[in-house]
Amino acid sequence: MAAKNSSVTEFILTGLTDQPGLQIPLFLLFLGFYMVTLLGNLGLITLIGLNSRLHTPMYFFLFNLSLVDFCYSTTITPKMLKSFVSKNIILYAECMTQLFFFCFFVISESFLLSAMAYDRYVAICKPLVYTLTMSPQVCLFLLLGVYVMGFSGAMVHMGSIASLTFCADNLVNHFMCDIFPLLELSCNSTYVHELVVFVLVAMDIGIPIVTIFISYALILSSILHIHSTEGRSKAFSTCSSHIIVVSLFFGSGAFVYLKPPSILPLNQGKVFSLFYTIVVPMLNPLIYSLRNKDVKVTLRKTLERKIFS
């Protein structure tokens, strides 16, 4: 399958580096990252799924966060690993498919983090109506909205790139089919496409960030009115994991996509892309499990049951 109005049927992904001495060490490093990502997220999915103690709105969203992290890491990392050991050729149709699923999962995670912030706001600021406010129906409705936003954004991004005309140059300066590296290869003007990217990314980052900021401003106000030191400490610990994840994810994503390509060179963009494509999916289950008392207790009890059963 060739790109519309162009002769390009495949792309070559340059990968993270072209220095031969770094290829094998980086392959082993990112293979290790990928294995930790798979084990961490699948472990958290299994733990939440099998333990009724964790069948609450907070862990319902955490379950989906681990699922999204697992899926979009698998969308990107195997193809990146290939670029370290061989020439990484990707067909046009495969490239568009990877771009779609990458955008779908990243945008979904963005709105999922805002849903998790809203859940924490209700839990801390309105504890008496928490069960009613965050009912299973409400949680499913919020999750549906998350995935609808992800699907809509991914369709627009993929449609925008698919409408470009590609000529002879098919060397993508990245380890995946990302938006700006593909725009660089277009024969025609990309001004409108860059504007579409900027507007969509501003919405996909801006709306969740505003939601998260308002939620945590209200949470902070509520915490400051808690007289008990133990109560304050518990409230802060409940939110600290989420704040760390939000900072890593949105910080690296905004740095790459909210700056014009002329300001942020693609080689630097590749490095920052590693944070939200490789590092964040790996760290999420570690952050939420190591800093979460419920998860640690449930994991310990589950392991004890398996060992002594």
Protein backbone atom coordinates (compact mmCIF):
# COMPACT_ATOMS: atom_id res chain seq x y z
CA MET A 1 0.00 0.00 0.00
CA ALA A 2 1.42 3.39 -1.01
CA ALA A 3 0.76 6.78 0.49
CA LYS A 4 -1.94 8.82 -1.21
CA ASN A 5 -0.61 10.76 -4.24
CA SER A 6 2.95 9.53 -3.65
CA SER A 7 5.29 6.71 -4.58
CA VAL A 8 6.38 5.81 -1.07
CA THR A 9 5.38 2.27 -0.03
CA GLU A 10 7.67 1.92 2.97
CA PHE A 11 9.72 3.95 5.45
CA ILE A 12 13.08 3.32 7.09
CA LEU A 13 13.27 4.16 10.80
CA THR A 14 16.73 5.47 11.71
CA GLY A 15 16.32 4.48 15.35
CA LEU A 16 17.78 6.18 18.39
CA THR A 17 21.43 6.31 17.27
CA ASP A 18 23.61 5.36 14.30
CA GLN A 19 26.76 4.74 16.37
CA PRO A 20 27.67 1.02 16.08
CA GLY A 21 29.33 0.89 19.50
CA LEU A 22 26.08 1.90 21.24
CA GLN A 23 23.70 -0.42 19.39
CA ILE A 24 24.06 -3.59 21.49
CA PRO A 25 24.29 -1.84 24.91
CA LEU A 26 21.18 0.21 24.08
CA PHE A 27 19.39 -2.88 22.78
CA LEU A 28 20.03 -4.68 26.08
CA LEU A 29 19.09 -1.60 28.12
CA PHE A 30 15.75 -1.04 26.39
CA LEU A 31 15.01 -4.76 26.27
CA GLY A 32 15.40 -4.71 30.06
CA PHE A 33 13.11 -1.67 30.28
CA TYR A 34 10.53 -3.44 28.12
CA MET A 35 10.59 -6.61 30.23
CA VAL A 36 10.15 -4.56 33.43
CA THR A 37 7.25 -2.68 31.75
CA LEU A 38 5.51 -5.90 30.72
CA LEU A 39 6.00 -7.63 34.07
CA GLY A 40 5.07 -4.55 36.12
CA ASN A 41 1.90 -3.67 34.21
CA LEU A 42 0.70 -7.25 33.71
CA GLY A 43 1.43 -7.93 37.39
CA LEU A 44 -0.63 -4.92 38.48
CA ILE A 45 -3.47 -5.84 36.09
CA THR A 46 -3.51 -9.39 37.49
CA LEU A 47 -3.28 -8.26 41.11
CA ILE A 48 -6.18 -5.81 40.76
CA GLY A 49 -8.27 -8.25 38.75
CA LEU A 50 -7.90 -11.16 41.19
CA ASN A 51 -8.33 -9.28 44.50
CA SER A 52 -11.78 -7.97 45.45
CA ARG A 53 -10.07 -5.71 48.05
CA LEU A 54 -8.87 -3.61 45.11
CA HIS A 55 -12.19 -3.46 43.25
CA THR A 56 -12.71 0.25 43.90
CA PRO A 57 -12.89 3.23 41.50
CA MET A 58 -9.26 4.20 42.18
CA TYR A 59 -7.98 0.76 41.21
CA PHE A 60 -10.46 0.48 38.34
CA PHE A 61 -8.71 3.46 36.73
CA LEU A 62 -5.29 2.16 37.74
CA PHE A 63 -6.16 -1.17 36.07
CA ASN A 64 -6.91 0.69 32.84
CA LEU A 65 -3.78 2.85 33.18
CA SER A 66 -1.65 -0.32 33.36
CA LEU A 67 -3.53 -1.76 30.37
CA VAL A 68 -2.92 1.40 28.32
CA ASP A 69 0.77 1.50 29.34
CA PHE A 70 1.20 -2.16 28.40
CA CYS A 71 -0.46 -1.64 25.00
CA TYR A 72 1.33 1.50 23.89
CA SER A 73 4.70 0.28 25.08
CA THR A 74 4.12 -2.85 22.97
CA THR A 75 3.14 -0.63 20.04
CA ILE A 76 6.50 1.17 20.13
CA THR A 77 9.27 -0.80 21.84
CA PRO A 78 9.56 -4.01 19.73
CA LYS A 79 10.01 -1.95 16.55
CA MET A 80 12.55 0.28 18.27
CA LEU A 81 14.53 -2.75 19.47
CA LYS A 82 14.71 -4.00 15.89
CA SER A 83 16.47 -0.78 14.80
CA PHE A 84 19.42 -1.64 17.09
CA VAL A 85 20.18 -4.95 15.35
CA SER A 86 19.07 -4.55 11.72
CA LYS A 87 17.76 -2.15 9.10
CA ASN A 88 14.33 -1.16 10.34
CA ILE A 89 11.93 -1.05 7.40
CA ILE A 90 8.24 -0.42 8.06
CA LEU A 91 5.53 -0.54 5.39
CA TYR A 92 3.41 2.55 4.86
CA ALA A 93 0.27 0.81 6.15
CA GLU A 94 2.16 -0.47 9.21
CA CYS A 95 3.50 3.02 9.86
CA MET A 96 0.01 4.55 9.79
CA THR A 97 -1.26 1.76 12.04
CA GLN A 98 1.53 2.34 14.55
CA LEU A 99 0.86 6.09 14.47
CA PHE A 100 -2.87 5.53 15.09
CA PHE A 101 -2.41 3.22 18.07
CA PHE A 102 0.38 5.35 19.53
CA CYS A 103 -1.86 8.45 19.41
CA PHE A 104 -4.86 6.49 20.69
CA PHE A 105 -3.07 5.14 23.76
CA VAL A 106 -1.17 8.35 24.59
CA ILE A 107 -4.27 10.56 24.34
CA SER A 108 -6.28 7.99 26.32
CA GLU A 109 -3.64 8.02 29.07
CA SER A 110 -3.77 11.81 29.16
CA PHE A 111 -7.52 11.85 29.87
CA LEU A 112 -7.30 8.78 32.11
CA LEU A 113 -4.90 10.67 34.40
CA SER A 114 -7.43 13.49 34.66
CA ALA A 115 -10.19 10.98 35.54
CA MET A 116 -7.92 9.60 38.28
CA ALA A 117 -7.38 13.14 39.61
CA TYR A 118 -11.15 13.67 39.74
CA ASP A 119 -11.52 10.38 41.62
CA ARG A 120 -8.96 11.53 44.22
CA TYR A 121 -10.78 14.89 44.55
CA VAL A 122 -14.08 13.16 45.34
CA ALA A 123 -12.40 10.67 47.72
CA ILE A 124 -10.68 13.40 49.77
CA CYS A 125 -13.02 16.38 49.48
CA LYS A 126 -16.39 14.57 49.43
CA PRO A 127 -15.79 11.27 51.27
CA LEU A 128 -19.40 10.94 52.49
CA VAL A 129 -20.79 10.81 48.93
CA TYR A 130 -17.79 9.07 47.34
CA THR A 131 -19.53 5.73 46.78
CA LEU A 132 -22.54 7.42 45.21
CA THR A 133 -20.56 9.92 43.12
CA MET A 134 -18.06 7.35 41.83
CA SER A 135 -20.57 4.57 41.19
CA PRO A 136 -19.71 1.81 38.67
CA GLN A 137 -21.91 3.53 36.09
CA VAL A 138 -20.07 6.85 36.52
CA CYS A 139 -16.69 5.12 36.31
CA LEU A 140 -17.69 3.34 33.09
CA PHE A 141 -19.01 6.61 31.65
CA LEU A 142 -15.72 8.39 32.45
CA LEU A 143 -13.74 5.51 30.94
CA LEU A 144 -15.87 5.59 27.80
CA GLY A 145 -15.15 9.32 27.48
CA VAL A 146 -11.41 8.63 27.88
CA TYR A 147 -11.36 6.12 25.02
CA VAL A 148 -13.65 8.20 22.78
CA MET A 149 -11.24 11.14 23.12
CA GLY A 150 -8.33 8.82 22.38
CA PHE A 151 -10.01 7.37 19.29
CA SER A 152 -11.12 10.77 17.96
CA GLY A 153 -7.68 12.35 18.40
CA ALA A 154 -5.91 9.37 16.84
CA MET A 155 -8.21 9.41 13.81
CA VAL A 156 -7.56 13.13 13.21
CA HIS A 157 -3.78 12.78 13.59
CA MET A 158 -3.62 9.73 11.30
CA GLY A 159 -5.93 11.33 8.74
CA SER A 160 -3.79 14.47 8.70
CA ILE A 161 -0.57 12.50 8.08
CA ALA A 162 -2.22 10.15 5.56
CA SER A 163 -3.26 13.15 3.45
CA LEU A 164 0.37 14.22 2.96
CA THR A 165 2.31 13.62 -0.24
CA PHE A 166 5.61 11.77 0.24
CA CYS A 167 8.25 11.79 -2.48
CA ALA A 168 11.58 9.97 -2.77
CA ASP A 169 12.85 10.50 0.78
CA ASN A 170 11.53 7.77 3.09
CA LEU A 171 14.09 7.95 5.94
CA VAL A 172 12.20 8.70 9.18
CA ASN A 173 14.52 10.31 11.73
CA HIS A 174 12.99 8.55 14.72
CA PHE A 175 12.59 5.16 16.36
CA MET A 176 8.85 5.15 15.57
CA CYS A 177 6.33 6.64 13.15
CA ASP A 178 5.76 9.91 14.99
CA ILE A 179 4.02 13.01 13.69
CA PHE A 180 6.82 15.58 13.28
CA PRO A 181 9.37 13.21 11.67
CA LEU A 182 6.73 12.25 9.08
CA LEU A 183 5.85 15.90 8.45
CA GLU A 184 9.55 16.50 7.69
CA LEU A 185 9.31 14.07 4.73
CA SER A 186 6.30 15.71 3.09
CA CYS A 187 6.70 17.27 -0.38
CA ASN A 188 3.89 19.76 0.14
CA SER A 189 3.36 22.50 2.72
CA THR A 190 2.85 21.23 6.26
CA TYR A 191 1.73 24.52 7.86
CA VAL A 192 -1.94 23.48 8.20
CA HIS A 193 -0.92 20.02 9.47
CA GLU A 194 1.40 21.53 12.08
CA LEU A 195 -1.41 23.83 13.17
CA VAL A 196 -3.76 20.84 13.52
CA VAL A 197 -1.14 19.04 15.63
CA PHE A 198 -0.60 22.06 17.87
CA VAL A 199 -4.35 22.62 18.43
CA LEU A 200 -5.09 18.95 19.11
CA VAL A 201 -2.11 18.46 21.42
CA ALA A 202 -2.97 21.69 23.26
CA MET A 203 -6.47 20.26 23.86
CA ASP A 204 -5.25 16.75 24.72
CA ILE A 205 -2.75 18.15 27.22
CA GLY A 206 -4.53 21.36 28.21
CA ILE A 207 -7.95 19.94 29.19
CA PRO A 208 -6.52 17.15 31.41
CA ILE A 209 -3.96 19.49 32.98
CA VAL A 210 -6.64 22.06 33.85
CA THR A 211 -8.83 19.28 35.30
CA ILE A 212 -5.90 17.91 37.31
CA PHE A 213 -4.82 21.37 38.49
CA ILE A 214 -8.33 22.28 39.70
CA SER A 215 -8.74 18.86 41.37
CA TYR A 216 -5.47 19.15 43.25
CA ALA A 217 -6.02 22.79 44.18
CA LEU A 218 -9.29 21.73 45.84
CA ILE A 219 -7.57 18.69 47.38
CA LEU A 220 -4.78 20.87 48.80
CA SER A 221 -7.34 23.26 50.26
CA SER A 222 -9.16 20.35 51.86
CA ILE A 223 -5.93 18.83 53.24
CA LEU A 224 -4.94 22.12 54.87
CA HIS A 225 -8.21 22.01 56.83
CA ILE A 226 -7.39 18.56 58.23
CA HIS A 227 -6.21 19.06 61.83
CA SER A 228 -4.76 15.57 62.28
CA THR A 229 -1.14 15.17 61.19
CA GLU A 230 -1.82 11.50 60.41
CA GLY A 231 -4.82 12.48 58.28
CA ARG A 232 -2.78 15.00 56.32
CA SER A 233 0.00 12.48 55.78
CA LYS A 234 -2.45 9.85 54.51
CA ALA A 235 -4.09 12.32 52.12
CA PHE A 236 -0.72 13.46 50.74
CA SER A 237 0.51 9.88 50.28
CA THR A 238 -2.70 9.01 48.42
CA CYS A 239 -2.03 11.73 45.84
CA SER A 240 1.77 11.82 45.65
CA SER A 241 2.08 8.83 43.30
CA HIS A 242 -0.39 10.36 40.87
CA ILE A 243 1.40 13.74 40.92
CA ILE A 244 4.74 12.09 40.06
CA VAL A 245 3.21 10.21 37.11
CA VAL A 246 1.39 13.32 35.85
CA SER A 247 4.58 15.43 36.00
CA LEU A 248 6.66 12.90 34.07
CA PHE A 249 4.02 12.20 31.43
CA PHE A 250 2.77 15.71 30.67
CA GLY A 251 6.15 17.38 31.13
CA SER A 252 7.93 15.30 28.49
CA GLY A 253 4.93 15.25 26.13
CA ALA A 254 4.42 19.02 26.21
CA PHE A 255 8.13 19.63 25.64
CA VAL A 256 8.05 17.58 22.41
CA TYR A 257 4.70 18.53 20.87
CA LEU A 258 4.04 22.09 21.99
CA LYS A 259 7.26 23.40 20.46
CA PRO A 260 7.63 23.93 16.69
CA PRO A 261 10.02 21.43 15.02
CA SER A 262 12.32 24.34 14.09
CA ILE A 263 12.87 25.12 17.80
CA LEU A 264 13.26 21.53 19.01
CA PRO A 265 15.58 19.51 16.71
CA LEU A 266 14.32 16.00 15.93
CA ASN A 267 17.34 14.36 17.59
CA GLN A 268 16.47 16.10 20.88
CA GLY A 269 12.80 15.25 20.33
CA LYS A 270 13.72 11.56 20.10
CA VAL A 271 15.41 11.68 23.49
CA PHE A 272 12.46 13.40 25.18
CA SER A 273 10.07 10.97 23.46
CA LEU A 274 11.75 8.17 25.39
CA PHE A 275 10.27 9.52 28.62
CA TYR A 276 6.59 9.14 27.73
CA THR A 277 6.97 6.12 25.42
CA ILE A 278 9.46 3.97 27.37
CA VAL A 279 10.23 5.37 30.83
CA VAL A 280 6.74 6.40 32.05
CA PRO A 281 5.04 3.05 31.19
CA MET A 282 7.87 1.29 33.05
CA LEU A 283 7.75 3.55 36.12
CA ASN A 284 3.95 3.74 36.53
CA PRO A 285 3.43 0.28 38.09
CA LEU A 286 6.55 0.72 40.23
CA ILE A 287 5.45 4.14 41.50
CA TYR A 288 1.88 3.01 42.23
CA SER A 289 2.93 -0.25 43.88
CA LEU A 290 5.95 0.88 45.91
CA ARG A 291 4.18 4.01 47.21
CA ASN A 292 0.78 2.39 47.76
CA LYS A 293 0.08 0.59 51.03
CA ASP A 294 -3.02 -1.25 49.75
CA VAL A 295 -1.14 -2.67 46.77
CA LYS A 296 1.83 -3.75 48.90
CA VAL A 297 -0.40 -5.43 51.49
CA THR A 298 -2.49 -7.19 48.83
CA LEU A 299 0.62 -8.33 46.97
CA ARG A 300 2.14 -9.72 50.16
CA LYS A 301 -1.04 -11.61 51.07
CA THR A 302 -1.38 -12.96 47.54
CA LEU A 303 2.21 -14.22 47.53
CA GLU A 304 1.79 -15.77 50.99
CA ARG A 305 -1.35 -17.57 49.79
CA LYS A 306 0.46 -18.93 46.74
CA ILE A 307 3.53 -20.00 48.70
CA PHE A 308 1.75 -21.71 51.60
CA SER A 309 -1.25 -23.11 49.70
